[in-house]
Amino acid sequence: MLLKAWVIPLLYLDYEIRRDYIVANLCENRNRPELNCNGKCYLAKKIKSIREQERKEAEHSYVVKLIDVVARISEPFQFKSFTSRNLRSKAQLYEYRSPFKARETYATIFHPPIAA
């Protein structure tokens, strides 16, 4: 993935480094200097081919993921069987405590000040 992010900047770098060679040998408009192409047609063609290749790879990746999802769905659904013994062994027991406390427990804490 990181390599894909560097493809187009590296292509620009290659163009800048080899500009004279590209203009002289690879440019489609090298016989028409009045267009001032300077190899930009070659660069545009390369960028277009890389983007097309990335699009095809993205489509292929999507299709592979879609096939994987469909393959998982086509498996028959089954409930896992369990016995009551397994259910009891995994259950956690909690002690029940009423949310309504008796008033006596708070009477020792919450009371008016005692006069000495």
C-alpha atoms as a PDB file:
ATOM      1  CA  MET A   1       0.000   0.000   0.000  1.00  0.00           C
ATOM      2  CA  LEU A   2       2.816   2.383   0.846  1.00  0.00           C
ATOM      3  CA  LEU A   3       4.465   1.577  -2.457  1.00  0.00           C
ATOM      4  CA  LYS A   4       1.284   2.540  -4.336  1.00  0.00           C
ATOM      5  CA  ALA A   5       1.391   5.979  -2.758  1.00  0.00           C
ATOM      6  CA  TRP A   6       4.875   6.555  -4.186  1.00  0.00           C
ATOM      7  CA  VAL A   7       4.276   5.347  -7.769  1.00  0.00           C
ATOM      8  CA  ILE A   8       3.132   8.638  -9.298  1.00  0.00           C
ATOM      9  CA  PRO A   9       5.679  10.846  -7.469  1.00  0.00           C
ATOM     10  CA  LEU A  10       8.425   8.455  -8.595  1.00  0.00           C
ATOM     11  CA  LEU A  11       7.092   8.683 -12.137  1.00  0.00           C
ATOM     12  CA  TYR A  12       7.389  12.485 -11.980  1.00  0.00           C
ATOM     13  CA  LEU A  13      10.910  12.127 -10.598  1.00  0.00           C
ATOM     14  CA  ASP A  14      11.832   9.758 -13.433  1.00  0.00           C
ATOM     15  CA  TYR A  15      10.410  12.254 -15.918  1.00  0.00           C
ATOM     16  CA  GLU A  16      12.462  15.109 -14.463  1.00  0.00           C
ATOM     17  CA  ILE A  17      15.654  13.058 -14.399  1.00  0.00           C
ATOM     18  CA  ARG A  18      15.307  11.642 -17.923  1.00  0.00           C
ATOM     19  CA  ARG A  19      13.545  14.588 -19.568  1.00  0.00           C
ATOM     20  CA  ASP A  20      16.104  15.015 -22.376  1.00  0.00           C
ATOM     21  CA  TYR A  21      15.979  11.317 -23.279  1.00  0.00           C
ATOM     22  CA  ILE A  22      12.165  11.280 -23.158  1.00  0.00           C
ATOM     23  CA  VAL A  23      11.894  14.388 -25.360  1.00  0.00           C
ATOM     24  CA  ALA A  24      14.384  13.032 -27.888  1.00  0.00           C
ATOM     25  CA  ASN A  25      13.230   9.397 -28.077  1.00  0.00           C
ATOM     26  CA  LEU A  26       9.881   8.685 -26.383  1.00  0.00           C
ATOM     27  CA  CYS A  27       7.776  11.810 -26.947  1.00  0.00           C
ATOM     28  CA  GLU A  28       4.931  11.328 -29.429  1.00  0.00           C
ATOM     29  CA  ASN A  29       5.234  14.951 -30.550  1.00  0.00           C
ATOM     30  CA  ARG A  30       9.024  15.024 -30.984  1.00  0.00           C
ATOM     31  CA  ASN A  31       8.613  15.781 -34.719  1.00  0.00           C
ATOM     32  CA  ARG A  32       6.397  18.799 -33.949  1.00  0.00           C
ATOM     33  CA  PRO A  33       8.445  21.138 -31.727  1.00  0.00           C
ATOM     34  CA  GLU A  34       5.910  23.962 -32.127  1.00  0.00           C
ATOM     35  CA  LEU A  35       3.618  22.142 -29.643  1.00  0.00           C
ATOM     36  CA  ASN A  36       6.187  22.540 -26.829  1.00  0.00           C
ATOM     37  CA  CYS A  37       5.208  19.137 -25.476  1.00  0.00           C
ATOM     38  CA  ASN A  38       8.623  18.395 -23.947  1.00  0.00           C
ATOM     39  CA  GLY A  39       7.644  14.812 -23.149  1.00  0.00           C
ATOM     40  CA  LYS A  40       4.491  15.677 -21.225  1.00  0.00           C
ATOM     41  CA  CYS A  41       2.499  13.435 -23.545  1.00  0.00           C
ATOM     42  CA  TYR A  42       4.685  10.502 -22.471  1.00  0.00           C
ATOM     43  CA  LEU A  43       4.208  11.428 -18.806  1.00  0.00           C
ATOM     44  CA  ALA A  44       0.423  11.755 -19.219  1.00  0.00           C
ATOM     45  CA  LYS A  45       0.238   8.380 -20.970  1.00  0.00           C
ATOM     46  CA  LYS A  46       2.229   6.712 -18.168  1.00  0.00           C
ATOM     47  CA  ILE A  47       0.075   8.294 -15.443  1.00  0.00           C
ATOM     48  CA  LYS A  48      -3.087   7.208 -17.254  1.00  0.00           C
ATOM     49  CA  SER A  49      -1.820   3.621 -17.542  1.00  0.00           C
ATOM     50  CA  ILE A  50      -0.882   3.530 -13.836  1.00  0.00           C
ATOM     51  CA  ARG A  51      -4.295   4.868 -12.786  1.00  0.00           C
ATOM     52  CA  GLU A  52      -6.006   2.328 -15.051  1.00  0.00           C
ATOM     53  CA  GLN A  53      -3.927  -0.448 -13.517  1.00  0.00           C
ATOM     54  CA  GLU A  54      -4.813   0.757  -9.990  1.00  0.00           C
ATOM     55  CA  ARG A  55      -8.509   0.826 -10.945  1.00  0.00           C
ATOM     56  CA  LYS A  56      -8.325  -2.743 -12.257  1.00  0.00           C
ATOM     57  CA  GLU A  57      -6.533  -3.877  -9.094  1.00  0.00           C
ATOM     58  CA  ALA A  58      -9.208  -2.198  -6.963  1.00  0.00           C
ATOM     59  CA  GLU A  59     -11.967  -3.929  -8.941  1.00  0.00           C
ATOM     60  CA  HIS A  60     -10.162  -7.255  -8.617  1.00  0.00           C
ATOM     61  CA  SER A  61      -9.738  -6.724  -4.868  1.00  0.00           C
ATOM     62  CA  TYR A  62     -13.447  -5.890  -4.545  1.00  0.00           C
ATOM     63  CA  VAL A  63     -14.451  -9.004  -6.482  1.00  0.00           C
ATOM     64  CA  VAL A  64     -12.196 -11.192  -4.332  1.00  0.00           C
ATOM     65  CA  LYS A  65     -13.712  -9.753  -1.147  1.00  0.00           C
ATOM     66  CA  LEU A  66     -17.221 -10.185  -2.533  1.00  0.00           C
ATOM     67  CA  ILE A  67     -16.548 -13.821  -3.431  1.00  0.00           C
ATOM     68  CA  ASP A  68     -15.170 -14.406   0.061  1.00  0.00           C
ATOM     69  CA  VAL A  69     -18.320 -12.953   1.638  1.00  0.00           C
ATOM     70  CA  VAL A  70     -20.582 -15.006  -0.624  1.00  0.00           C
ATOM     71  CA  ALA A  71     -18.584 -18.154   0.128  1.00  0.00           C
ATOM     72  CA  ARG A  72     -19.047 -17.586   3.843  1.00  0.00           C
ATOM     73  CA  ILE A  73     -22.772 -17.022   3.427  1.00  0.00           C
ATOM     74  CA  SER A  74     -23.211 -20.234   1.454  1.00  0.00           C
ATOM     75  CA  GLU A  75     -22.113 -22.311   4.447  1.00  0.00           C
ATOM     76  CA  PRO A  76     -25.174 -23.812   6.140  1.00  0.00           C
ATOM     77  CA  PHE A  77     -26.161 -22.091   9.354  1.00  0.00           C
ATOM     78  CA  GLN A  78     -26.254 -24.307  12.412  1.00  0.00           C
ATOM     79  CA  PHE A  79     -27.020 -23.585  16.006  1.00  0.00           C
ATOM     80  CA  LYS A  80     -24.388 -24.847  18.361  1.00  0.00           C
ATOM     81  CA  SER A  81     -25.844 -27.523  20.551  1.00  0.00           C
ATOM     82  CA  PHE A  82     -25.345 -27.302  24.274  1.00  0.00           C
ATOM     83  CA  THR A  83     -26.552 -29.152  27.295  1.00  0.00           C
ATOM     84  CA  SER A  84     -27.924 -27.727  30.499  1.00  0.00           C
ATOM     85  CA  ARG A  85     -24.800 -28.980  32.291  1.00  0.00           C
ATOM     86  CA  ASN A  86     -22.615 -26.775  30.063  1.00  0.00           C
ATOM     87  CA  LEU A  87     -24.954 -23.873  30.635  1.00  0.00           C
ATOM     88  CA  ARG A  88     -24.772 -24.199  34.424  1.00  0.00           C
ATOM     89  CA  SER A  89     -20.997 -24.454  34.479  1.00  0.00           C
ATOM     90  CA  LYS A  90     -20.540 -21.237  32.511  1.00  0.00           C
ATOM     91  CA  ALA A  91     -23.186 -19.222  34.337  1.00  0.00           C
ATOM     92  CA  GLN A  92     -21.996 -16.812  36.992  1.00  0.00           C
ATOM     93  CA  LEU A  93     -24.010 -16.629  40.172  1.00  0.00           C
ATOM     94  CA  TYR A  94     -24.700 -13.250  41.735  1.00  0.00           C
ATOM     95  CA  GLU A  95     -26.084 -12.518  45.152  1.00  0.00           C
ATOM     96  CA  TYR A  96     -29.284 -10.513  45.046  1.00  0.00           C
ATOM     97  CA  ARG A  97     -29.227  -7.257  46.956  1.00  0.00           C
ATOM     98  CA  SER A  98     -32.288  -5.127  47.178  1.00  0.00           C
ATOM     99  CA  PRO A  99     -31.836  -1.576  45.921  1.00  0.00           C
ATOM    100  CA  PHE A 100     -34.145  -0.398  48.736  1.00  0.00           C
ATOM    101  CA  LYS A 101     -32.094  -0.235  51.928  1.00  0.00           C
ATOM    102  CA  ALA A 102     -33.716  -0.179  55.313  1.00  0.00           C
ATOM    103  CA  ARG A 103     -33.906   3.265  56.930  1.00  0.00           C
ATOM    104  CA  GLU A 104     -32.084   2.015  60.005  1.00  0.00           C
ATOM    105  CA  THR A 105     -28.813   1.612  58.160  1.00  0.00           C
ATOM    106  CA  TYR A 106     -28.744   5.295  57.257  1.00  0.00           C
ATOM    107  CA  ALA A 107     -30.097   6.545  60.591  1.00  0.00           C
ATOM    108  CA  THR A 108     -26.695   6.280  62.211  1.00  0.00           C
ATOM    109  CA  ILE A 109     -25.123   8.459  59.535  1.00  0.00           C
ATOM    110  CA  PHE A 110     -27.786  10.967  58.522  1.00  0.00           C
ATOM    111  CA  HIS A 111     -29.216  12.640  61.639  1.00  0.00           C
ATOM    112  CA  PRO A 112     -29.437  16.158  63.034  1.00  0.00           C
ATOM    113  CA  PRO A 113     -26.504  17.360  65.098  1.00  0.00           C
ATOM    114  CA  ILE A 114     -26.522  16.114  68.662  1.00  0.00           C
ATOM    115  CA  ALA A 115     -26.398  18.860  71.293  1.00  0.00           C
ATOM    116  CA  ALA A 116     -23.813  18.283  73.952  1.00  0.00           C
END
